[in-house]
Amino acid sequence: MTLENAIRALAGTMILASLALAHYVSPNWLWLTAFVGANLLQSAFTGFCPAEIILRKLGVGKGGGSCCG
């Protein structure tokens, strides 16, 4: 998995999880959705993404090749 795909998957997972938590637990979980959205927006303009730093330290995207060729 490429780093870009991993970031998209992480962001999507966080948004869906926070929406589920907001529905079943507390509406305050919508703040997590807002945080993820704001982070995505600022990273589009600045190029700085904390999730990218964390995922790189975890070794995501260092495999070299893709699964399909």
N, C-alpha and C. Protein backbone atom coordinates (compact mmCIF):
# COMPACT_ATOMS: atom_id res chain seq x y z
N MET A 1 0.84 -1.17 0.00
CA MET A 1 0.00 0.00 0.00
C MET A 1 0.89 1.24 0.00
N THR A 2 0.56 2.18 -0.84
CA THR A 2 1.34 3.41 -0.88
C THR A 2 0.99 4.28 0.32
N LEU A 3 1.86 5.22 0.60
CA LEU A 3 1.64 6.13 1.72
C LEU A 3 0.38 6.96 1.52
N GLU A 4 0.15 7.42 0.30
CA GLU A 4 -1.03 8.23 0.01
C GLU A 4 -2.32 7.44 0.24
N ASN A 5 -2.32 6.19 -0.19
CA ASN A 5 -3.50 5.35 0.02
C ASN A 5 -3.72 5.07 1.51
N ALA A 6 -2.64 4.90 2.24
CA ALA A 6 -2.74 4.65 3.67
C ALA A 6 -3.32 5.86 4.39
N ILE A 7 -2.92 7.06 3.98
CA ILE A 7 -3.46 8.28 4.59
C ILE A 7 -4.94 8.41 4.30
N ARG A 8 -5.34 8.14 3.07
CA ARG A 8 -6.77 8.20 2.73
C ARG A 8 -7.57 7.16 3.51
N ALA A 9 -7.02 5.96 3.64
CA ALA A 9 -7.71 4.91 4.39
C ALA A 9 -7.83 5.28 5.87
N LEU A 10 -6.77 5.84 6.43
CA LEU A 10 -6.80 6.26 7.83
C LEU A 10 -7.82 7.37 8.04
N ALA A 11 -7.82 8.37 7.17
CA ALA A 11 -8.77 9.48 7.30
C ALA A 11 -10.21 8.98 7.16
N GLY A 12 -10.46 8.14 6.19
CA GLY A 12 -11.81 7.60 6.01
C GLY A 12 -12.27 6.77 7.19
N THR A 13 -11.36 5.97 7.73
CA THR A 13 -11.69 5.16 8.90
C THR A 13 -12.00 6.03 10.11
N MET A 14 -11.19 7.06 10.31
CA MET A 14 -11.41 7.96 11.45
C MET A 14 -12.74 8.69 11.32
N ILE A 15 -13.09 9.13 10.12
CA ILE A 15 -14.36 9.83 9.91
C ILE A 15 -15.53 8.90 10.14
N LEU A 16 -15.49 7.70 9.58
CA LEU A 16 -16.60 6.76 9.77
C LEU A 16 -16.73 6.33 11.23
N ALA A 17 -15.60 6.12 11.89
CA ALA A 17 -15.65 5.73 13.30
C ALA A 17 -16.23 6.85 14.16
N SER A 18 -15.82 8.10 13.88
CA SER A 18 -16.35 9.20 14.69
C SER A 18 -17.83 9.43 14.42
N LEU A 19 -18.28 9.20 13.20
CA LEU A 19 -19.71 9.32 12.93
C LEU A 19 -20.51 8.24 13.65
N ALA A 20 -19.99 7.03 13.67
CA ALA A 20 -20.66 5.95 14.39
C ALA A 20 -20.69 6.24 15.89
N LEU A 21 -19.57 6.72 16.43
CA LEU A 21 -19.52 7.06 17.85
C LEU A 21 -20.46 8.22 18.17
N ALA A 22 -20.57 9.18 17.28
CA ALA A 22 -21.48 10.31 17.49
C ALA A 22 -22.93 9.84 17.50
N HIS A 23 -23.23 8.87 16.66
CA HIS A 23 -24.60 8.36 16.59
C HIS A 23 -24.95 7.51 17.81
N TYR A 24 -24.04 6.64 18.23
CA TYR A 24 -24.35 5.69 19.29
C TYR A 24 -23.90 6.11 20.69
N VAL A 25 -22.92 7.00 20.80
CA VAL A 25 -22.38 7.34 22.11
C VAL A 25 -22.69 8.79 22.50
N SER A 26 -22.11 9.73 21.76
CA SER A 26 -22.27 11.14 22.11
C SER A 26 -22.01 12.01 20.88
N PRO A 27 -22.82 13.04 20.69
CA PRO A 27 -22.58 13.95 19.56
C PRO A 27 -21.24 14.68 19.63
N ASN A 28 -20.60 14.69 20.78
CA ASN A 28 -19.30 15.34 20.90
C ASN A 28 -18.23 14.68 20.04
N TRP A 29 -18.45 13.44 19.61
CA TRP A 29 -17.49 12.77 18.74
C TRP A 29 -17.41 13.43 17.37
N LEU A 30 -18.36 14.29 17.04
CA LEU A 30 -18.30 15.00 15.76
C LEU A 30 -17.11 15.96 15.72
N TRP A 31 -16.57 16.32 16.89
CA TRP A 31 -15.36 17.14 16.91
C TRP A 31 -14.18 16.40 16.27
N LEU A 32 -14.15 15.09 16.41
CA LEU A 32 -13.09 14.31 15.76
C LEU A 32 -13.24 14.39 14.24
N THR A 33 -14.47 14.32 13.76
CA THR A 33 -14.72 14.46 12.32
C THR A 33 -14.25 15.82 11.83
N ALA A 34 -14.56 16.86 12.60
CA ALA A 34 -14.14 18.21 12.22
C ALA A 34 -12.62 18.33 12.23
N PHE A 35 -11.96 17.71 13.21
CA PHE A 35 -10.50 17.76 13.28
C PHE A 35 -9.87 17.08 12.07
N VAL A 36 -10.37 15.91 11.71
CA VAL A 36 -9.82 15.18 10.56
C VAL A 36 -10.04 15.99 9.28
N GLY A 37 -11.22 16.56 9.12
CA GLY A 37 -11.50 17.38 7.94
C GLY A 37 -10.62 18.61 7.86
N ALA A 38 -10.44 19.28 8.99
CA ALA A 38 -9.57 20.47 9.02
C ALA A 38 -8.13 20.10 8.72
N ASN A 39 -7.68 18.96 9.22
CA ASN A 39 -6.33 18.51 8.96
C ASN A 39 -6.14 18.19 7.48
N LEU A 40 -7.11 17.55 6.87
CA LEU A 40 -7.03 17.26 5.43
C LEU A 40 -6.98 18.55 4.62
N LEU A 41 -7.79 19.52 5.01
CA LEU A 41 -7.82 20.79 4.30
C LEU A 41 -6.50 21.55 4.42
N GLN A 42 -5.97 21.64 5.63
CA GLN A 42 -4.71 22.37 5.79
C GLN A 42 -3.56 21.65 5.11
N SER A 43 -3.58 20.32 5.09
CA SER A 43 -2.48 19.60 4.44
C SER A 43 -2.52 19.78 2.92
N ALA A 44 -3.70 20.02 2.37
CA ALA A 44 -3.80 20.28 0.93
C ALA A 44 -3.09 21.58 0.56
N PHE A 45 -3.11 22.56 1.47
CA PHE A 45 -2.51 23.86 1.17
C PHE A 45 -1.06 23.96 1.64
N THR A 46 -0.72 23.30 2.74
CA THR A 46 0.62 23.46 3.31
C THR A 46 1.56 22.31 2.98
N GLY A 47 1.00 21.14 2.70
CA GLY A 47 1.82 19.96 2.45
C GLY A 47 2.26 19.25 3.72
N PHE A 48 1.92 19.80 4.89
CA PHE A 48 2.29 19.19 6.17
C PHE A 48 1.15 18.30 6.65
N CYS A 49 1.46 17.03 6.89
CA CYS A 49 0.46 16.07 7.34
C CYS A 49 1.03 15.23 8.48
N PRO A 50 0.55 15.43 9.70
CA PRO A 50 1.05 14.63 10.82
C PRO A 50 0.86 13.13 10.63
N ALA A 51 -0.23 12.73 10.00
CA ALA A 51 -0.47 11.31 9.76
C ALA A 51 0.62 10.71 8.86
N GLU A 52 1.11 11.49 7.91
CA GLU A 52 2.18 11.02 7.04
C GLU A 52 3.44 10.72 7.83
N ILE A 53 3.77 11.60 8.77
CA ILE A 53 4.97 11.40 9.60
C ILE A 53 4.83 10.12 10.42
N ILE A 54 3.68 9.94 11.02
CA ILE A 54 3.45 8.76 11.86
C ILE A 54 3.48 7.48 11.03
N LEU A 55 2.81 7.49 9.88
CA LEU A 55 2.78 6.29 9.04
C LEU A 55 4.16 5.95 8.49
N ARG A 56 4.95 6.96 8.17
CA ARG A 56 6.32 6.69 7.70
C ARG A 56 7.16 6.04 8.79
N LYS A 57 7.00 6.51 10.03
CA LYS A 57 7.74 5.91 11.14
C LYS A 57 7.30 4.47 11.38
N LEU A 58 6.06 4.15 11.03
CA LEU A 58 5.55 2.79 11.16
C LEU A 58 5.95 1.91 9.99
N GLY A 59 6.58 2.50 8.97
CA GLY A 59 7.07 1.72 7.84
C GLY A 59 6.10 1.56 6.70
N VAL A 60 5.04 2.34 6.67
CA VAL A 60 4.07 2.24 5.58
C VAL A 60 4.67 2.85 4.33
N GLY A 61 4.49 2.18 3.19
CA GLY A 61 4.97 2.68 1.91
C GLY A 61 6.41 2.36 1.61
N LYS A 62 7.06 1.55 2.41
CA LYS A 62 8.46 1.22 2.17
C LYS A 62 8.64 -0.13 1.50
N GLY A 63 7.55 -0.74 1.05
CA GLY A 63 7.63 -2.06 0.47
C GLY A 63 8.30 -2.10 -0.89
N GLY A 64 8.25 -1.00 -1.60
CA GLY A 64 8.92 -0.94 -2.91
C GLY A 64 7.99 -1.20 -4.07
N GLY A 65 7.36 -2.36 -4.11
CA GLY A 65 6.51 -2.69 -5.24
C GLY A 65 5.05 -2.73 -4.86
N SER A 66 4.21 -2.78 -5.89
CA SER A 66 2.77 -2.87 -5.63
C SER A 66 2.34 -4.33 -5.79
N CYS A 67 1.13 -4.59 -5.39
CA CYS A 67 0.63 -5.96 -5.45
C CYS A 67 0.29 -6.38 -6.88
N CYS A 68 0.11 -5.41 -7.76
CA CYS A 68 -0.38 -5.73 -9.09
C CYS A 68 0.66 -5.56 -10.19
N GLY A 69 1.88 -5.46 -9.86
CA GLY A 69 2.86 -5.37 -10.93
C GLY A 69 3.91 -4.41 -10.67
